[in-house]
Protein backbone atom coordinates (compact mmCIF):
# COMPACT_ATOMS: atom_id res chain seq x y z
CA UNK A 1 62.87 78.79 -3.98
CA UNK A 2 66.18 76.97 -3.83
CA UNK A 3 66.83 73.92 -5.93
CA UNK A 4 67.29 71.58 -2.94
CA UNK A 5 63.93 72.75 -1.52
CA UNK A 6 62.16 72.13 -4.84
CA UNK A 7 63.65 68.69 -5.00
CA UNK A 8 62.46 67.90 -1.47
CA UNK A 9 58.91 69.09 -2.20
CA UNK A 10 58.78 67.05 -5.40
CA UNK A 11 59.77 63.91 -3.54
CA UNK A 12 57.07 64.56 -0.92
CA UNK A 13 54.36 65.00 -3.61
CA UNK A 14 55.41 61.77 -5.35
CA UNK A 15 55.22 59.87 -2.06
CA UNK A 16 51.75 61.28 -1.30
CA UNK A 17 50.52 60.35 -4.81
CA UNK A 18 51.88 56.83 -4.64
CA UNK A 19 50.42 56.35 -1.20
CA UNK A 20 46.95 57.35 -2.42
CA UNK A 21 47.24 55.04 -5.39
CA UNK A 22 48.28 52.09 -3.27
CA UNK A 23 45.34 52.75 -0.94
CA UNK A 24 42.96 52.78 -3.93
CA UNK A 25 44.35 49.48 -5.21
CA UNK A 26 43.99 47.84 -1.77
CA UNK A 27 40.38 49.00 -1.58
CA UNK A 28 39.54 47.22 -4.91
CA UNK A 29 41.21 44.02 -3.76
CA UNK A 30 39.31 43.94 -0.48
CA UNK A 31 35.97 44.21 -2.27
CA UNK A 32 36.67 41.26 -4.55
CA UNK A 33 38.96 42.61 -7.21
CA UNK A 34 39.26 40.78 -10.48
CA UNK A 35 38.99 37.35 -8.81
CA UNK A 36 35.49 37.01 -7.23
CA UNK A 37 35.00 34.40 -4.50
CA UNK A 38 33.43 31.29 -6.01
CA UNK A 39 30.01 30.23 -4.68
CA UNK A 40 29.74 26.80 -3.08
CA UNK A 41 26.39 24.97 -3.12
CA UNK A 42 25.31 21.55 -1.95
CA UNK A 43 22.20 20.55 -3.94
CA UNK A 44 20.57 17.19 -3.09
CA UNK A 45 17.51 15.70 -4.82
CA UNK A 46 15.14 13.48 -2.81
CA UNK A 47 12.50 11.92 -5.09
CA UNK A 48 9.25 10.54 -3.74
CA UNK A 49 9.54 6.78 -4.03
CA UNK A 50 6.03 6.22 -5.42
CA UNK A 51 3.46 8.48 -7.05
CA UNK A 52 -0.22 7.68 -6.42
CA UNK A 53 -1.83 8.06 -9.83
CA UNK A 54 -5.26 7.78 -8.18
CA UNK A 55 -4.55 11.34 -6.98
CA UNK A 56 -2.27 12.53 -9.79
CA UNK A 57 -4.08 15.88 -10.12
CA UNK A 58 -3.30 16.67 -6.49
CA UNK A 59 0.46 16.59 -7.13
CA UNK A 60 0.17 19.76 -9.20
CA UNK A 61 -1.29 21.72 -6.28
CA UNK A 62 1.43 23.35 -4.17
CA UNK A 63 -1.05 23.70 -1.31
CA UNK A 64 -1.10 19.92 -0.69
CA UNK A 65 1.45 17.69 1.01
CA UNK A 66 1.80 15.65 -2.18
CA UNK A 67 4.93 16.32 -4.22
CA UNK A 68 7.08 14.29 -6.59
CA UNK A 69 10.44 15.36 -5.18
CA UNK A 70 12.15 17.60 -2.65
CA UNK A 71 15.46 19.36 -3.20
CA UNK A 72 17.65 20.63 -0.37
CA UNK A 73 19.92 23.55 -1.37
CA UNK A 74 22.65 24.53 1.12
CA UNK A 75 25.00 27.47 0.62
CA UNK A 76 28.19 26.09 2.17
CA UNK A 77 30.45 28.84 0.82
CA UNK A 78 31.42 32.35 1.85
CA UNK A 79 29.51 34.32 -0.76
CA UNK A 80 25.85 34.74 -1.64
CA UNK A 81 24.34 32.87 -4.58
CA UNK A 82 22.37 35.18 -6.83
CA UNK A 83 19.33 34.34 -8.99
CA UNK A 84 19.10 30.59 -8.25
CA UNK A 85 16.60 28.94 -10.65
CA UNK A 86 15.28 25.38 -10.42
CA UNK A 87 12.73 23.24 -12.33
CA UNK A 88 11.79 19.57 -12.84
CA UNK A 89 10.39 17.18 -15.43
CA UNK A 90 9.26 13.55 -15.49
CA UNK A 91 10.06 12.05 -18.86
CA UNK A 92 6.94 11.00 -20.74
CA UNK A 93 4.51 12.22 -18.07
CA UNK A 94 5.29 15.85 -17.26
CA UNK A 95 7.21 18.54 -19.17
CA UNK A 96 9.42 21.03 -17.32
CA UNK A 97 7.62 22.62 -14.39
CA UNK A 98 7.55 26.39 -14.05
CA UNK A 99 10.89 27.68 -12.79
CA UNK A 100 11.15 28.54 -9.12
CA UNK A 101 13.46 31.52 -8.55
CA UNK A 102 15.38 32.35 -5.37
CA UNK A 103 16.88 35.85 -5.79
CA UNK A 104 19.58 35.24 -3.19
CA UNK A 105 20.81 32.37 -1.02
CA UNK A 106 23.23 33.69 1.57
CA UNK A 107 26.13 31.78 3.15
CA UNK A 108 24.86 29.21 5.67
CA UNK A 109 21.28 29.34 4.36
CA UNK A 110 19.31 26.17 3.53
CA UNK A 111 16.43 26.23 1.05
CA UNK A 112 13.86 23.49 0.46
CA UNK A 113 12.24 23.31 -2.96
CA UNK A 114 9.46 20.95 -4.06
CA UNK A 115 8.42 19.45 -7.38
CA UNK A 116 4.67 19.88 -8.01
CA UNK A 117 4.21 18.34 -11.48
CA UNK A 118 1.22 18.87 -13.74
CA UNK A 119 0.90 15.36 -15.09
CA UNK A 120 -0.38 14.65 -18.59
CA UNK A 121 -3.86 13.17 -18.03
CA UNK A 122 -3.75 11.02 -21.17
CA UNK A 123 -0.48 9.41 -20.16
CA UNK A 124 -1.63 8.83 -16.59
CA UNK A 125 -4.75 7.00 -17.76
CA UNK A 126 -2.56 4.42 -19.46
CA UNK A 127 -0.81 3.39 -16.25
CA UNK A 128 -2.37 0.21 -14.89
CA UNK A 129 0.57 -1.26 -12.95
CA UNK A 130 3.61 0.06 -11.10
CA UNK A 131 5.71 1.83 -13.74
CA UNK A 132 9.25 3.26 -13.52
CA UNK A 133 9.98 6.78 -14.72
CA UNK A 134 12.86 9.25 -14.62
CA UNK A 135 12.60 12.51 -12.72
CA UNK A 136 15.10 15.22 -13.69
CA UNK A 137 15.94 18.28 -11.61
CA UNK A 138 17.71 21.22 -13.30
CA UNK A 139 19.21 24.29 -11.65
CA UNK A 140 21.40 27.27 -12.51
CA UNK A 141 22.48 30.56 -10.97
CA UNK A 142 24.58 33.60 -11.76
CA UNK A 143 28.20 32.71 -12.31
CA UNK A 144 27.95 29.17 -13.76
CA UNK A 145 28.35 28.51 -17.46
CA UNK A 146 25.48 26.03 -17.95
CA UNK A 147 22.62 24.43 -15.98
CA UNK A 148 23.29 21.43 -13.76
CA UNK A 149 20.97 18.37 -13.96
CA UNK A 150 20.36 15.43 -11.65
CA UNK A 151 18.15 12.45 -12.54
CA UNK A 152 16.58 9.89 -10.21
CA UNK A 153 14.20 6.96 -10.75
CA UNK A 154 10.68 7.11 -9.38
CA UNK A 155 7.68 4.78 -9.71
CA UNK A 156 4.14 5.59 -10.79
CA UNK A 157 1.58 3.29 -9.20
CA UNK A 158 -1.41 1.99 -11.15
CA UNK A 159 -4.59 4.02 -10.67
CA UNK A 160 -6.06 1.27 -8.43
CA UNK A 161 -2.91 0.80 -6.35
CA UNK A 162 -2.79 2.04 -2.77
CA UNK A 163 0.12 1.68 -0.33
CA UNK A 164 -0.96 2.21 3.26
CA UNK A 165 2.30 3.76 4.47
CA UNK A 166 5.49 5.13 2.96
CA UNK A 167 7.37 4.78 6.23
CA UNK A 168 10.12 2.23 6.65
CA UNK A 169 9.33 -0.75 8.86
CA UNK A 170 11.67 0.43 11.61
CA UNK A 171 9.75 3.72 11.78
CA UNK A 172 6.30 2.14 12.26
CA UNK A 173 5.19 2.04 15.89
CA UNK A 174 1.43 2.74 15.86
CA UNK A 175 -1.63 2.02 13.76
CA UNK A 176 -1.51 5.60 12.54
CA UNK A 177 2.07 5.06 11.35
CA UNK A 178 1.00 1.90 9.50
CA UNK A 179 -1.75 3.81 7.66
CA UNK A 180 -0.20 7.26 7.29
CA UNK A 181 -1.17 7.52 3.61
CA UNK A 182 -4.85 7.40 4.59
CA UNK A 183 -5.73 10.90 3.19
CA UNK A 184 -5.11 9.59 -0.33
CA UNK A 185 -8.09 7.24 0.04
CA UNK A 186 -10.29 10.31 -0.48
CA UNK A 187 -9.19 10.29 -4.12
CA UNK A 188 -10.96 6.94 -4.63
CA UNK A 189 -14.32 8.34 -3.45
CA UNK A 190 -15.95 9.73 -6.59
CA UNK A 191 -19.45 11.09 -5.83
CA UNK A 192 -19.68 12.97 -9.14
CA UNK A 193 -18.85 10.02 -11.40
CA UNK A 194 -21.89 9.32 -13.61
CA UNK A 195 -22.80 5.75 -12.52
CA UNK A 196 -22.22 6.60 -8.86
CA UNK A 197 -24.31 9.77 -9.08
CA UNK A 198 -27.21 8.15 -10.93
CA UNK A 199 -27.25 5.18 -8.53
CA UNK A 200 -27.29 7.49 -5.52
CA UNK A 201 -30.13 9.57 -6.94
CA UNK A 202 -32.15 6.42 -7.56
CA UNK A 203 -31.75 4.94 -4.08
CA UNK A 204 -32.31 8.25 -2.27
CA UNK A 205 -35.29 9.38 -4.32
CA UNK A 206 -38.04 11.01 -2.25
CA UNK A 207 -35.83 11.66 0.77
CA UNK A 208 -34.59 14.99 2.11
CA UNK A 209 -30.90 14.25 2.47
CA UNK A 210 -29.82 17.82 3.15
CA UNK A 211 -31.15 18.69 6.63
CA UNK A 212 -33.51 15.90 7.72
CA UNK A 213 -31.81 13.48 10.12
CA UNK A 214 -34.38 10.72 9.74
CA UNK A 215 -34.27 10.85 5.95
CA UNK A 216 -30.46 10.83 5.97
CA UNK A 217 -30.45 7.73 8.16
CA UNK A 218 -33.06 6.06 5.91
CA UNK A 219 -30.90 6.82 2.86
CA UNK A 220 -28.00 5.07 4.61
CA UNK A 221 -30.10 1.94 5.17
CA UNK A 222 -31.48 2.10 1.62
CA UNK A 223 -27.96 2.21 0.23
CA UNK A 224 -27.14 -1.06 2.01
CA UNK A 225 -30.34 -2.69 0.74
CA UNK A 226 -29.86 -1.36 -2.79
CA UNK A 227 -26.38 -2.84 -3.13
CA UNK A 228 -27.57 -6.17 -1.73
CA UNK A 229 -30.49 -6.25 -4.19
CA UNK A 230 -28.02 -5.50 -6.99
CA UNK A 231 -26.15 -8.70 -6.05
CA UNK A 232 -22.98 -7.10 -4.66
CA UNK A 233 -20.76 -9.65 -2.87
CA UNK A 234 -17.91 -9.34 -0.40
CA UNK A 235 -14.51 -10.59 -1.58
CA UNK A 236 -11.16 -10.72 0.17
CA UNK A 237 -8.10 -8.91 -1.15
CA UNK A 238 -5.52 -11.28 -2.69
CA UNK A 239 -1.92 -11.14 -1.50
CA UNK A 240 -0.12 -8.11 -2.93
CA UNK A 241 2.47 -8.88 -5.57
CA UNK A 242 3.77 -5.49 -6.64
CA UNK A 243 5.22 -4.22 -3.37
CA UNK A 244 6.79 -5.67 -0.26
CA UNK A 245 4.74 -3.31 1.92
CA UNK A 246 1.10 -3.47 2.99
CA UNK A 247 -0.79 -2.44 -0.11
CA UNK A 248 -4.09 -3.09 -1.85
CA UNK A 249 -5.83 -2.93 -5.21
CA UNK A 250 -8.66 -0.48 -4.50
CA UNK A 251 -11.76 -0.22 -6.66
CA UNK A 252 -13.56 2.98 -7.53
CA UNK A 253 -17.29 3.02 -6.63
CA UNK A 254 -18.43 2.54 -10.24
CA UNK A 255 -16.18 -0.53 -10.49
CA UNK A 256 -17.68 -2.03 -7.33
CA UNK A 257 -21.20 -1.39 -8.64
CA UNK A 258 -20.40 -2.77 -12.10
CA UNK A 259 -18.43 -5.79 -10.91
CA UNK A 260 -20.93 -6.49 -8.12
CA UNK A 261 -18.17 -7.26 -5.64
CA UNK A 262 -15.59 -5.62 -3.45
CA UNK A 263 -13.35 -5.90 -0.42
CA UNK A 264 -14.28 -4.26 2.87
CA UNK A 265 -12.40 -1.14 1.77
CA UNK A 266 -14.05 -1.16 -1.68
CA UNK A 267 -17.49 -1.45 -0.13
CA UNK A 268 -16.81 1.28 2.44
CA UNK A 269 -15.61 3.61 -0.31
CA UNK A 270 -18.61 2.80 -2.48
CA UNK A 271 -21.17 3.43 0.28
CA UNK A 272 -19.42 6.68 1.27
CA UNK A 273 -19.41 7.89 -2.35
CA UNK A 274 -23.11 7.11 -2.79
CA UNK A 275 -23.93 9.04 0.37
CA UNK A 276 -21.76 12.01 -0.58
CA UNK A 277 -23.42 12.02 -4.02
CA UNK A 278 -26.71 13.03 -2.34
CA UNK A 279 -25.17 15.49 0.10
CA UNK A 280 -24.64 13.29 3.15
CA UNK A 281 -21.36 13.87 5.01
CA UNK A 282 -19.48 10.59 5.09
CA UNK A 283 -16.30 8.98 6.38
CA UNK A 284 -14.29 5.86 5.70
CA UNK A 285 -13.32 4.34 9.05
CA UNK A 286 -10.10 2.31 9.18
CA UNK A 287 -9.44 -0.10 12.03
CA UNK A 288 -6.84 -2.90 12.08
CA UNK A 289 -7.68 -5.25 9.23
CA UNK A 290 -11.00 -3.66 8.36
CA UNK A 291 -12.84 -0.67 6.87
CA UNK A 292 -16.35 0.62 7.67
CA UNK A 293 -18.42 3.40 6.05
CA UNK A 294 -19.89 5.98 8.38
CA UNK A 295 -22.23 8.97 8.02
CA UNK A 296 -22.85 12.08 10.12
CA UNK A 297 -26.39 13.33 10.64
CA UNK A 298 -26.73 17.00 9.65
CA UNK A 299 -28.66 18.27 12.69
CA UNK A 300 -27.74 16.10 15.66
CA UNK A 301 -24.18 15.43 14.45
CA UNK A 302 -24.58 11.76 15.43
CA UNK A 303 -22.37 9.22 13.66
CA UNK A 304 -23.58 5.89 12.32
CA UNK A 305 -21.42 3.20 10.78
CA UNK A 306 -22.59 0.05 9.04
CA UNK A 307 -20.96 -3.34 8.54
CA UNK A 308 -20.92 -3.10 4.76
CA UNK A 309 -19.39 -6.56 4.17
CA UNK A 310 -22.72 -7.95 5.40
CA UNK A 311 -24.32 -6.62 2.23
CA UNK A 312 -23.34 -10.13 1.22
CA UNK A 313 -26.12 -11.83 3.19
CA UNK A 314 -24.84 -15.35 2.58
CA UNK A 315 -21.35 -14.45 3.79
CA UNK A 316 -22.67 -12.76 6.93
CA UNK A 317 -24.97 -15.59 8.01
CA UNK A 318 -22.56 -18.42 7.16
CA UNK A 319 -19.57 -16.85 8.92
CA UNK A 320 -21.24 -14.97 11.78
CA UNK A 321 -24.47 -16.83 12.60
CA UNK A 322 -24.29 -15.75 16.25
CA UNK A 323 -24.19 -12.07 15.29
CA UNK A 324 -27.14 -11.82 12.92
CA UNK A 325 -30.59 -13.11 12.13
CA UNK A 326 -31.05 -14.97 8.84
CA UNK A 327 -32.35 -11.75 7.28
CA UNK A 328 -29.16 -9.80 8.16
CA UNK A 329 -30.99 -6.48 8.02
CA UNK A 330 -29.36 -3.12 7.48
CA UNK A 331 -30.40 -2.00 10.98
CA UNK A 332 -28.68 -5.05 12.47
CA UNK A 333 -25.51 -4.15 10.61
CA UNK A 334 -25.55 -0.62 12.03
CA UNK A 335 -25.80 -2.11 15.51
CA UNK A 336 -22.95 -4.54 14.76
CA UNK A 337 -20.63 -1.80 13.52
CA UNK A 338 -20.98 0.41 16.61
CA UNK A 339 -18.88 -1.68 19.09
CA UNK A 340 -16.04 -2.05 16.57
CA UNK A 341 -15.89 1.71 16.05
CA UNK A 342 -16.24 2.58 19.75
CA UNK A 343 -13.74 -0.02 21.01
CA UNK A 344 -11.06 0.97 18.50
CA UNK A 345 -11.69 4.63 19.20
CA UNK A 346 -11.08 3.99 22.88
CA UNK A 347 -7.88 2.08 22.09
CA UNK A 348 -6.60 4.67 19.63
CA UNK A 349 -6.51 2.16 16.77
CA UNK A 350 -8.82 4.01 14.43
CA UNK A 351 -8.51 6.42 11.51
CA UNK A 352 -11.46 8.54 10.37
CA UNK A 353 -10.92 9.54 6.76
CA UNK A 354 -12.86 12.79 6.63
CA UNK A 355 -13.57 12.86 2.91
CA UNK A 356 -14.84 16.42 2.62
CA UNK A 357 -11.92 17.72 4.66
CA UNK A 358 -9.36 15.90 2.50
CA UNK A 359 -11.01 17.15 -0.69
CA UNK A 360 -10.82 20.71 0.67
CA UNK A 361 -7.09 20.17 1.26
CA UNK A 362 -6.63 19.23 -2.40
CA UNK A 363 -6.76 15.42 -2.34
CA UNK A 364 -9.37 15.31 -5.07
CA UNK A 365 -10.50 12.40 -7.25
CA UNK A 366 -8.61 12.27 -10.55
CA UNK A 367 -10.88 9.85 -12.40
């Protein structure tokens, strides 16, 4: 082979080799190279403004609608986020929650994460008034040097505090809007509390409250008479001082029995708890400005409410002499309650708090 030919072939081989190498280098660069694309996340914490300590156990159940905070995670970048991990704590009341892990959040994806805290029962029992606390959210993912934290203030309500709605005033259009926290009232109905249970057993003794309609109805009337004989009086709720919204100090049934007094809501809750304690399906009926206890007969399915504020015989006869006889009997008070329930049902201004249904959903009594 001549020297010029060898030289030409050598040049061709060098060009081919260099071309292959350049192609290899371009392939590495296209797949990320030594400078990976940085992930871009938008992480926003939205704390619940107020925690209902009356139902604090329910907040730890991720099957309920009760949560302490919501976090919105948006991948606004051009690369996937790998192994995103997030957890929460509430200083003094709940240690870090178990870490929620999202293996991958792709570009354009939005993830919603919720804080379901397991509150310390001892600490929650000490809360008697609205109390501020700090909620901290912490997250990390592959590629960042250290976790990121965000802290927001929340408030823990006293165990007797109930706010009827968490909606802003401009978002309230109906009675349902104004009472949209109604499921939480189920947490105040405590049929298994000792005083409530023993009182219910005493007043319903000798009756078949499981499947006998007549006995169930008689237990309902006996409950009214029992509370009247015990000296229970009707009182009005004082103006709220701890919130600008419609709220109320709500008693538990044992408190109403022990204190021998209660508001219309306290009395409705107490009667419902006593009935549930002996196996009678009960409701708390909310209508504008008032609350009424109601039972459902096991066989016929008929509903009966009772004007429980008229347990206070003196109040009933002095304020509504045209409605009642001087005796203000329990049967009269069932008759009086019916038009209020039916009229508000027709107008759509009624809420039936189905206690057993709310308990099944996780809104269980904490005390």
